[in-house]
Each structure stands twice: as structure tokens, then as C-alpha cells.
Protein backbone atom coordinates (compact mmCIF):
# COMPACT_ATOMS: atom_id res chain seq x y z
CA ILE A 1 8.21 3.77 0.86
CA LEU A 2 4.56 3.92 -0.17
CA GLU A 3 5.35 5.60 -3.49
CA ARG A 4 8.10 3.09 -4.24
CA ALA A 5 5.71 0.23 -3.47
CA GLY A 6 3.21 1.82 -5.85
CA ARG A 7 5.79 2.01 -8.63
CA ASP A 8 6.75 -1.61 -8.04
CA VAL A 9 3.10 -2.69 -8.19
CA GLU A 10 2.72 -0.85 -11.50
CA ALA A 11 5.77 -2.68 -12.87
CA ILE A 12 4.32 -6.02 -11.78
CA SER A 13 1.03 -5.08 -13.44
CA ARG A 14 2.82 -4.38 -16.72
CA ASP A 15 4.65 -7.71 -16.49
CA ILE A 16 1.39 -9.59 -15.94
CA PHE A 17 -0.66 -7.98 -18.67
CA GLU A 18 1.86 -7.46 -21.46
CA ALA A 19 1.44 -9.73 -24.48
CA ARG A 20 3.74 -12.73 -24.39
CA SER A 21 4.78 -15.28 -26.92
CA THR A 22 7.20 -17.23 -24.73
CA LYS A 23 7.34 -20.96 -24.18
CA VAL A 24 5.06 -22.42 -21.53
CA SER A 25 7.86 -23.49 -19.15
CA LYS A 26 9.47 -20.04 -19.23
CA ARG A 27 6.07 -18.44 -18.80
CA ASN A 28 5.41 -20.59 -15.72
CA ARG A 29 8.75 -19.53 -14.24
CA ASP A 30 7.84 -15.92 -14.98
CA PHE A 31 4.51 -16.37 -13.20
CA GLN A 32 6.26 -17.94 -10.20
CA GLU A 33 8.53 -14.90 -9.97
CA LEU A 34 5.53 -12.60 -10.31
CA LEU A 35 3.71 -14.42 -7.51
CA LYS A 36 6.76 -14.01 -5.27
CA ALA A 37 6.98 -10.30 -6.12
CA ILE A 38 3.26 -9.83 -5.46
CA GLY A 39 3.64 -11.54 -2.08
CA ARG A 40 6.56 -9.30 -1.13
CA LYS A 41 4.62 -6.17 -2.09
CA GLU A 42 1.61 -7.30 -0.06
CA ASP A 43 3.88 -7.79 2.96
CA ILE A 44 5.22 -4.26 2.53
CA ALA A 45 1.74 -2.79 2.04
CA SER A 46 0.51 -4.63 5.13
CA SER A 47 3.38 -3.29 7.25
CA ILE A 48 2.74 0.22 5.96
CA ARG A 49 -0.96 -0.02 6.81
CA ASP A 50 -0.14 -1.29 10.32
CA SER A 51 2.24 1.63 10.86
CA LEU A 52 -0.30 4.13 9.57
CA ILE A 53 -2.98 2.75 11.90
CA SER A 54 -0.61 3.35 14.81
CA LEU A 55 0.03 6.88 13.58
CA GLN A 56 -3.72 7.48 13.25
CA ARG A 57 -4.19 6.46 16.88
CA LEU A 58 -1.34 8.71 17.95
CA ALA A 59 -2.73 11.65 15.98
CA GLY A 60 -6.16 11.11 17.55
CA PHE A 61 -4.61 11.08 21.01
CA LEU A 62 -2.62 14.23 20.25
CA ALA A 63 -5.75 15.97 18.99
CA HIS A 64 -7.58 15.07 22.19
CA VAL A 65 -4.70 16.26 24.39
CA ALA A 66 -4.32 19.46 22.37
CA THR A 67 -8.01 20.24 22.86
CA GLN A 68 -8.14 19.30 26.55
CA THR A 69 -5.01 21.20 27.53
CA LYS A 70 -5.93 24.21 25.41
CA MET A 71 -2.71 24.19 23.41
CA SER A 72 -2.10 26.98 20.96
CA LYS A 73 -4.07 27.16 17.74
CA ASP A 74 -0.87 26.56 15.80
CA ILE A 75 -0.23 23.24 17.52
CA ARG A 76 -3.87 22.15 17.12
CA ALA A 77 -3.69 23.05 13.42
CA ARG A 78 -0.50 21.01 13.01
CA VAL A 79 -2.08 18.01 14.72
CA LYS A 80 -5.12 18.32 12.47
CA THR A 81 -2.86 18.46 9.40
CA LEU A 82 -0.98 15.40 10.67
CA SER A 83 -4.27 13.52 11.08
CA ARG A 84 -5.35 14.38 7.55
CA ASP A 85 -1.99 13.42 6.06
CA VAL A 86 -1.98 10.06 7.83
CA LEU A 87 -5.55 9.39 6.71
CA SER A 88 -4.62 10.21 3.12
CA LEU A 89 -1.61 7.88 3.25
CA ALA A 90 -3.77 5.14 4.77
CA ASP A 91 -6.27 5.52 1.93
CA HIS A 92 -3.45 5.22 -0.60
CA ALA A 93 -2.07 2.13 1.16
CA THR A 94 -5.54 0.56 1.03
CA PHE A 95 -5.74 1.33 -2.70
CA LEU A 96 -2.36 -0.35 -3.26
CA SER A 97 -3.44 -3.38 -1.26
CA GLN A 98 -6.59 -3.71 -3.35
CA LYS A 99 -4.55 -3.43 -6.54
CA ILE A 100 -2.15 -6.08 -5.29
CA SER A 101 -5.12 -8.39 -4.60
CA PHE A 102 -6.38 -7.77 -8.13
CA LEU A 103 -2.95 -8.57 -9.58
CA LEU A 104 -2.80 -11.76 -7.54
CA ASP A 105 -6.22 -12.84 -8.82
CA ALA A 106 -5.26 -11.96 -12.40
CA THR A 107 -1.98 -13.87 -12.17
CA LEU A 108 -3.66 -16.95 -10.71
CA GLY A 109 -6.30 -16.76 -13.44
CA MET A 110 -3.64 -16.69 -16.15
CA ILE A 111 -1.86 -19.67 -14.62
CA SER A 112 -5.04 -21.77 -14.60
């Protein structure tokens, strides 16, 4: 889902910044559609970040339990890998959210 959202954000970025020679009314409709698309992508990115925060909490709890109950090294290593993977995905989701904010600002600037 995160990769698909990233591809969609890239497509929106191309739509915003490509050179246009269309009429003003069509361009305004295009910008309205872009604003809707940007809003949808921000909703998706926000949901992804919320889910990843929950997974980070779960991974932290699992790491604590694995240490306290002296689980096998294999299980502790898997929990550590899970924590790192979730953190990496959360970082990527934050990057996408920042890019979406930039695209929103750029679109609003072009409308003005």
C-alpha cells in the first residue's frame, strides 16, 4: 500500500509541475481534481502512519517480553528485525506525507 501511495504521489507531482498551455477554466478543473487526489493520498498516508505507530508499540512490547521471558535468540532476532522494518516503513510514510504537503502547497500556489 505504501509503495502504491508513493507511485500515486509521484504521478500527482508530474501532473502539477508539467508545462501546460490549457485554458484557464480547464486548468482550474484540473487543479480541483489534483486537490482532491492530494487529499485522498494524505488520508491514506495518515492511516498508514497510524497503523505503523500501532505496530511500533506492538514490536516494542514483544521485544520487552522476549527479553524478560528469556525467549530464544532466534525469536529475539526476529522481533528486532520486525522493529527495524516497521521503523523504516514509518520513516518512508513520513517522507510521503511531507511530499504530499509540499504538493499541496505547490498546487495552492499555482492556483493563486
